[in-house]
């Protein structure tokens, strides 16, 4: 018999009614369930005096769940434990989740234990696991069917999951747009893209009292100058961003997405026919992804350019050899950093 000892305890054995070391063992078991042959680990007590296995009430229950979880895996269904984790992910009770999904009151309770879910319900639970936005829409529809406190708790947790997922997808999208530049060191300045550093650079500028009236156009120029100055002095950039020569000067690839990253202190301001993007960080903060050398470079850029207006910094950028030697909308190569005006 394939049996693994888990623990041993000196106690009264209900099998032989003698006091001795009763072993708890894990046994590889094989069964046919719903016409499917399955294997699973079952827990038993073992009496070596009688050479017999037996199970207490808890083990009988646990072994039944283990058997059905093995069947679930064989059929490509969520295990009972995974269903629990989905529910815990949203911090929702079994009954409230049933209300949310329009299922019977005890459905989730049964799925988390001894009843195997059908494929339709399994698909719904998988979608719920992968799509917090859908959870939020279901929660809104069921708002009147649960307490206000429960609704607020579920909403807060699901919304944080949604924001986290949105940021993750946004990061992947930005990184995908940079994939074609991998290996071209002249484009990204000997540095792999670090969105964490990008965010910290933006936050550093936004927190500086010496940077006046910081809107998007000015910010993007400050970012290019920081990377160019870093390349000039150290042979590599801070962020790994790739910049294009656009009419207003250097602009990083995927700039519209970058300012939407979580942690970027960007405020949208309605200007009537257009939207302005203002950056400001008032509270004291830390910049964990920036080195002391990075900060010194940023401070140099701030001291030289931080008080310039948008038009002044654009005109200043337009005089850079990096800009004048680059065709419109082409990538600005960092080899021109040696001619930087600062």
Protein backbone atom coordinates (compact mmCIF):
# COMPACT_ATOMS: atom_id res chain seq x y z
CA UNK A 1 0.00 0.00 0.00
CA UNK A 2 1.28 3.45 -0.93
CA UNK A 3 1.18 5.06 2.53
CA UNK A 4 3.03 8.09 3.90
CA UNK A 5 3.32 8.74 7.64
CA UNK A 6 2.19 12.25 8.59
CA UNK A 7 2.27 12.04 12.41
CA UNK A 8 2.00 9.60 15.29
CA UNK A 9 0.21 10.06 18.62
CA UNK A 10 0.06 7.81 21.68
CA UNK A 11 -3.68 7.52 22.32
CA UNK A 12 -6.58 5.09 22.63
CA UNK A 13 -7.06 3.39 19.29
CA UNK A 14 -10.76 2.94 18.47
CA UNK A 15 -9.84 0.13 16.12
CA UNK A 16 -8.20 -2.27 18.62
CA UNK A 17 -9.25 -0.43 21.81
CA UNK A 18 -5.63 -0.37 23.02
CA UNK A 19 -3.46 2.62 23.94
CA UNK A 20 -0.54 2.82 21.50
CA UNK A 21 1.00 5.02 18.82
CA UNK A 22 -1.83 5.70 16.38
CA UNK A 23 -0.46 6.86 13.05
CA UNK A 24 -1.99 9.45 10.76
CA UNK A 25 -1.15 8.46 7.21
CA UNK A 26 -1.66 9.74 3.69
CA UNK A 27 -2.77 7.06 1.27
CA UNK A 28 -2.82 7.22 -2.52
CA UNK A 29 -6.39 6.28 -3.36
CA UNK A 30 -8.10 5.40 -6.64
CA UNK A 31 -11.82 5.66 -7.38
CA UNK A 32 -14.38 5.91 -10.14
CA UNK A 33 -16.53 9.03 -9.79
CA UNK A 34 -19.14 9.91 -12.42
CA UNK A 35 -17.58 7.31 -14.71
CA UNK A 36 -14.16 8.97 -14.42
CA UNK A 37 -11.14 7.19 -12.94
CA UNK A 38 -9.34 9.47 -10.49
CA UNK A 39 -6.45 9.31 -8.03
CA UNK A 40 -6.12 11.43 -4.90
CA UNK A 41 -4.44 11.53 -1.49
CA UNK A 42 -6.72 10.47 1.37
CA UNK A 43 -5.99 10.87 5.08
CA UNK A 44 -6.58 7.95 7.48
CA UNK A 45 -5.69 6.68 10.93
CA UNK A 46 -3.66 3.47 10.89
CA UNK A 47 -3.60 0.81 13.58
CA UNK A 48 -0.45 -1.28 13.08
CA UNK A 49 -1.64 -3.80 15.68
CA UNK A 50 -4.73 -4.66 13.63
CA UNK A 51 -3.05 -3.54 10.38
CA UNK A 52 -6.17 -1.59 9.47
CA UNK A 53 -7.02 1.87 8.19
CA UNK A 54 -9.93 3.85 9.50
CA UNK A 55 -11.11 7.45 9.26
CA UNK A 56 -12.66 9.78 11.79
CA UNK A 57 -15.59 12.02 10.91
CA UNK A 58 -13.42 14.98 9.81
CA UNK A 59 -11.21 12.76 7.67
CA UNK A 60 -14.24 11.23 5.96
CA UNK A 61 -15.41 14.72 5.03
CA UNK A 62 -11.94 15.90 3.95
CA UNK A 63 -11.35 12.76 1.88
CA UNK A 64 -14.65 13.22 0.07
CA UNK A 65 -13.68 16.80 -0.84
CA UNK A 66 -10.21 15.64 -1.91
CA UNK A 67 -11.80 13.01 -4.17
CA UNK A 68 -14.17 15.51 -5.76
CA UNK A 69 -11.38 18.08 -6.18
CA UNK A 70 -9.39 15.44 -8.03
CA UNK A 71 -12.42 14.94 -10.28
CA UNK A 72 -12.72 18.71 -10.77
CA UNK A 73 -9.07 18.91 -11.86
CA UNK A 74 -9.55 15.98 -14.23
CA UNK A 75 -12.53 17.76 -15.80
CA UNK A 76 -10.85 21.19 -15.92
CA UNK A 77 -13.10 22.68 -13.23
CA UNK A 78 -12.21 24.98 -10.35
CA UNK A 79 -11.43 23.13 -7.13
CA UNK A 80 -13.36 23.89 -3.95
CA UNK A 81 -10.30 25.70 -2.58
CA UNK A 82 -10.03 27.88 -5.67
CA UNK A 83 -13.70 28.83 -5.39
CA UNK A 84 -13.05 29.89 -1.80
CA UNK A 85 -10.07 31.98 -2.91
CA UNK A 86 -12.21 33.78 -5.50
CA UNK A 87 -14.72 34.64 -2.79
CA UNK A 88 -11.98 35.70 -0.35
CA UNK A 89 -10.47 37.87 -3.09
CA UNK A 90 -13.58 40.04 -2.97
CA UNK A 91 -14.12 39.62 0.76
CA UNK A 92 -17.71 38.54 0.14
CA UNK A 93 -19.82 36.07 2.11
CA UNK A 94 -21.20 32.90 0.57
CA UNK A 95 -24.79 34.11 0.73
CA UNK A 96 -24.01 37.57 -0.68
CA UNK A 97 -22.08 36.03 -3.57
CA UNK A 98 -25.11 33.87 -4.35
CA UNK A 99 -27.26 37.02 -4.30
CA UNK A 100 -24.80 38.76 -6.61
CA UNK A 101 -24.92 35.91 -9.13
CA UNK A 102 -28.63 35.21 -8.79
CA UNK A 103 -28.00 31.67 -7.54
CA UNK A 104 -29.67 29.66 -4.80
CA UNK A 105 -28.77 30.72 -1.28
CA UNK A 106 -26.60 27.66 -0.50
CA UNK A 107 -25.05 27.15 -3.94
CA UNK A 108 -21.62 28.58 -3.12
CA UNK A 109 -21.58 26.79 0.26
CA UNK A 110 -22.09 23.48 -1.55
CA UNK A 111 -19.52 24.29 -4.26
CA UNK A 112 -16.93 25.05 -1.59
CA UNK A 113 -17.41 21.59 -0.12
CA UNK A 114 -18.98 18.42 -1.52
CA UNK A 115 -20.99 19.38 -4.60
CA UNK A 116 -19.23 19.59 -7.95
CA UNK A 117 -20.30 22.64 -9.98
CA UNK A 118 -21.49 22.35 -13.57
CA UNK A 119 -19.45 23.87 -16.41
CA UNK A 120 -21.78 26.85 -16.82
CA UNK A 121 -21.40 27.92 -13.20
CA UNK A 122 -17.68 27.19 -13.36
CA UNK A 123 -17.32 29.58 -16.32
CA UNK A 124 -19.14 32.30 -14.41
CA UNK A 125 -16.86 31.89 -11.39
CA UNK A 126 -13.78 32.04 -13.63
CA UNK A 127 -15.00 35.24 -15.25
CA UNK A 128 -15.61 36.71 -11.81
CA UNK A 129 -12.05 35.82 -10.80
CA UNK A 130 -10.58 37.51 -13.88
CA UNK A 131 -12.84 40.53 -14.19
CA UNK A 132 -13.32 42.79 -11.15
CA UNK A 133 -15.08 45.30 -13.41
CA UNK A 134 -17.82 42.73 -13.99
CA UNK A 135 -18.00 42.10 -10.24
CA UNK A 136 -18.55 45.84 -9.75
CA UNK A 137 -21.38 45.91 -12.28
CA UNK A 138 -23.06 42.90 -10.63
CA UNK A 139 -22.57 44.52 -7.23
CA UNK A 140 -24.27 47.70 -8.41
CA UNK A 141 -27.26 45.69 -9.64
CA UNK A 142 -27.53 43.86 -6.32
CA UNK A 143 -26.96 46.94 -4.16
CA UNK A 144 -30.50 46.93 -2.74
CA UNK A 145 -30.27 43.28 -1.71
CA UNK A 146 -27.50 43.65 0.88
CA UNK A 147 -26.59 45.91 3.77
CA UNK A 148 -24.98 49.28 3.06
CA UNK A 149 -21.89 48.29 5.07
CA UNK A 150 -21.45 45.08 3.08
CA UNK A 151 -21.90 46.92 -0.20
CA UNK A 152 -19.27 49.51 0.70
CA UNK A 153 -16.80 46.84 1.83
CA UNK A 154 -17.22 44.80 -1.36
CA UNK A 155 -17.09 47.90 -3.54
CA UNK A 156 -13.87 49.20 -1.97
CA UNK A 157 -12.05 45.88 -2.35
CA UNK A 158 -13.28 45.19 -5.90
CA UNK A 159 -12.49 48.73 -6.98
CA UNK A 160 -8.91 48.41 -5.71
CA UNK A 161 -8.57 45.13 -7.64
CA UNK A 162 -9.96 46.81 -10.74
CA UNK A 163 -7.51 49.71 -10.46
CA UNK A 164 -4.63 47.30 -9.91
CA UNK A 165 -5.58 45.27 -12.96
CA UNK A 166 -6.04 48.38 -15.07
CA UNK A 167 -2.56 49.57 -14.11
CA UNK A 168 -1.11 46.13 -14.86
CA UNK A 169 -2.72 46.06 -18.32
CA UNK A 170 -1.60 49.63 -18.97
CA UNK A 171 1.99 48.75 -18.04
CA UNK A 172 1.92 45.73 -20.36
CA UNK A 173 0.58 47.90 -23.18
CA UNK A 174 3.34 50.48 -22.71
CA UNK A 175 6.01 47.80 -22.49
CA UNK A 176 4.64 46.20 -25.68
CA UNK A 177 4.97 49.51 -27.53
CA UNK A 178 8.66 49.60 -26.51
CA UNK A 179 9.43 46.02 -27.55
CA UNK A 180 10.49 47.04 -31.07
CA UNK A 181 13.22 49.28 -29.63
CA UNK A 182 14.86 46.52 -27.59
CA UNK A 183 18.51 46.19 -28.50
CA UNK A 184 18.77 49.63 -30.10
CA UNK A 185 20.88 51.33 -27.45
CA UNK A 186 20.96 54.63 -29.29
CA UNK A 187 17.20 54.87 -28.97
CA UNK A 188 16.74 53.95 -25.28
CA UNK A 189 20.12 55.07 -24.05
CA UNK A 190 21.61 51.81 -22.78
CA UNK A 191 18.76 51.40 -20.29
CA UNK A 192 15.85 48.97 -20.23
CA UNK A 193 12.50 50.68 -19.74
CA UNK A 194 11.63 51.10 -16.05
CA UNK A 195 8.11 52.42 -15.55
CA UNK A 196 8.74 52.61 -11.81
CA UNK A 197 11.59 55.06 -12.48
CA UNK A 198 9.43 56.95 -14.98
CA UNK A 199 6.77 57.45 -12.31
CA UNK A 200 9.34 58.54 -9.72
CA UNK A 201 10.89 61.04 -12.15
CA UNK A 202 7.48 62.59 -12.80
CA UNK A 203 6.74 62.69 -9.08
CA UNK A 204 10.13 64.27 -8.36
CA UNK A 205 9.47 67.12 -10.77
CA UNK A 206 5.88 67.50 -9.52
CA UNK A 207 7.09 67.75 -5.91
CA UNK A 208 9.76 70.38 -6.55
CA UNK A 209 8.96 73.95 -5.50
CA UNK A 210 11.49 75.12 -8.11
CA UNK A 211 9.43 73.69 -10.99
CA UNK A 212 6.79 76.28 -11.79
CA UNK A 213 3.48 75.69 -13.61
CA UNK A 214 4.12 72.08 -14.56
CA UNK A 215 1.89 70.97 -17.41
CA UNK A 216 2.39 68.06 -19.80
CA UNK A 217 4.44 69.77 -22.53
CA UNK A 218 6.94 71.16 -20.03
CA UNK A 219 7.08 67.89 -18.09
CA UNK A 220 7.97 65.86 -21.17
CA UNK A 221 10.82 68.24 -22.01
CA UNK A 222 12.18 68.00 -18.45
CA UNK A 223 12.07 64.21 -18.73
CA UNK A 224 14.04 64.21 -21.98
CA UNK A 225 16.64 66.60 -20.58
CA UNK A 226 17.04 64.35 -17.54
CA UNK A 227 17.63 61.25 -19.63
CA UNK A 228 19.89 63.12 -22.07
CA UNK A 229 21.96 64.64 -19.26
CA UNK A 230 22.26 61.24 -17.61
CA UNK A 231 23.49 59.73 -20.89
CA UNK A 232 25.95 62.58 -21.38
CA UNK A 233 27.45 62.15 -17.89
CA UNK A 234 27.06 58.42 -17.22
CA UNK A 235 26.58 56.73 -20.59
CA UNK A 236 23.06 55.55 -19.76
CA UNK A 237 19.66 57.16 -19.21
CA UNK A 238 17.51 57.14 -16.08
CA UNK A 239 14.24 55.75 -17.43
CA UNK A 240 14.86 53.85 -20.66
CA UNK A 241 12.22 55.95 -22.44
CA UNK A 242 12.43 56.44 -26.21
CA UNK A 243 11.71 59.98 -27.43
CA UNK A 244 10.27 61.21 -30.74
CA UNK A 245 10.89 64.59 -32.36
CA UNK A 246 7.40 66.12 -32.40
CA UNK A 247 6.47 69.76 -33.14
CA UNK A 248 6.60 70.72 -29.43
CA UNK A 249 9.97 69.01 -28.93
CA UNK A 250 10.95 65.63 -27.49
CA UNK A 251 8.04 63.42 -26.49
CA UNK A 252 8.35 59.84 -25.15
CA UNK A 253 6.68 56.95 -26.94
CA UNK A 254 3.31 56.13 -25.30
CA UNK A 255 3.26 59.45 -23.44
CA UNK A 256 -0.55 59.50 -23.26
CA UNK A 257 -0.55 56.15 -21.46
CA UNK A 258 2.40 56.99 -19.21
CA UNK A 259 0.60 59.86 -17.51
CA UNK A 260 -2.29 57.50 -16.67
CA UNK A 261 -0.07 55.14 -14.67
CA UNK A 262 -0.95 54.64 -11.04
CA UNK A 263 1.13 56.97 -8.88
CA UNK A 264 1.44 59.74 -11.46
CA UNK A 265 0.01 62.93 -9.85
CA UNK A 266 -1.87 64.11 -12.93
CA UNK A 267 -4.93 66.35 -12.77
CA UNK A 268 -7.05 66.81 -15.89
CA UNK A 269 -8.26 70.38 -16.34
CA UNK A 270 -11.08 71.19 -18.75
CA UNK A 271 -10.00 74.13 -20.90
CA UNK A 272 -13.16 74.23 -23.00
CA UNK A 273 -12.09 72.93 -26.39
CA UNK A 274 -9.17 70.97 -24.98
CA UNK A 275 -7.95 69.24 -21.82
CA UNK A 276 -4.81 70.30 -19.95
CA UNK A 277 -2.78 67.97 -17.74
CA UNK A 278 -1.34 69.50 -14.60
CA UNK A 279 1.22 67.77 -12.37
CA UNK A 280 1.68 68.64 -8.72
CA UNK A 281 2.67 66.73 -5.61
CA UNK A 282 2.35 68.75 -2.42
CA UNK A 283 2.88 66.24 0.37
CA UNK A 284 6.32 65.06 1.40
CA UNK A 285 7.13 61.84 -0.40
CA UNK A 286 9.84 59.31 -1.11
CA UNK A 287 11.23 58.21 -4.45
CA UNK A 288 12.34 54.61 -3.84
CA UNK A 289 13.35 53.88 -7.44
CA UNK A 290 15.67 56.86 -7.84
CA UNK A 291 19.31 56.70 -6.78
CA UNK A 292 21.13 59.66 -5.22
CA UNK A 293 22.91 60.16 -8.55
CA UNK A 294 19.55 60.18 -10.34
CA UNK A 295 18.27 62.87 -7.99
CA UNK A 296 21.38 65.01 -8.50
CA UNK A 297 20.83 64.89 -12.26
CA UNK A 298 17.16 65.81 -11.83
CA UNK A 299 18.13 68.70 -9.55
CA UNK A 300 20.53 69.99 -12.22
CA UNK A 301 17.72 69.96 -14.79
CA UNK A 302 15.36 71.64 -12.32
CA UNK A 303 17.87 74.40 -11.54
CA UNK A 304 18.48 75.06 -15.23
CA UNK A 305 14.98 74.69 -16.65
CA UNK A 306 12.45 74.41 -13.82
CA UNK A 307 11.40 78.06 -13.85
CA UNK A 308 10.96 78.25 -17.64
CA UNK A 309 7.51 78.62 -19.13
CA UNK A 310 6.19 76.08 -21.61
CA UNK A 311 7.04 78.28 -24.58
CA UNK A 312 10.53 79.01 -23.24
CA UNK A 313 11.44 75.37 -22.74
CA UNK A 314 10.01 74.43 -26.16
CA UNK A 315 12.12 77.14 -27.83
CA UNK A 316 15.14 75.99 -25.82
CA UNK A 317 14.56 72.39 -26.91
CA UNK A 318 14.19 73.44 -30.55
CA UNK A 319 17.77 74.73 -30.48
CA UNK A 320 19.16 71.38 -29.36
CA UNK A 321 21.24 69.59 -31.96
CA UNK A 322 19.40 66.42 -31.00
CA UNK A 323 16.22 68.05 -32.27
CA UNK A 324 17.57 69.89 -35.33
CA UNK A 325 19.46 66.80 -36.56
CA UNK A 326 16.41 64.52 -36.22
CA UNK A 327 13.73 64.28 -38.90
CA UNK A 328 10.20 65.16 -37.75
CA UNK A 329 8.56 62.30 -35.82
CA UNK A 330 11.73 60.19 -35.90
CA UNK A 331 13.39 58.79 -32.78
CA UNK A 332 15.85 61.18 -31.16
CA UNK A 333 19.09 59.28 -30.67
CA UNK A 334 21.04 59.80 -27.47
CA UNK A 335 24.32 60.17 -29.35
CA UNK A 336 23.44 63.87 -29.58
CA UNK A 337 23.49 64.21 -25.78
CA UNK A 338 27.15 65.28 -25.92
CA UNK A 339 25.98 68.56 -27.48
CA UNK A 340 23.40 69.26 -24.75
CA UNK A 341 22.97 72.94 -23.85
CA UNK A 342 22.96 72.22 -20.11
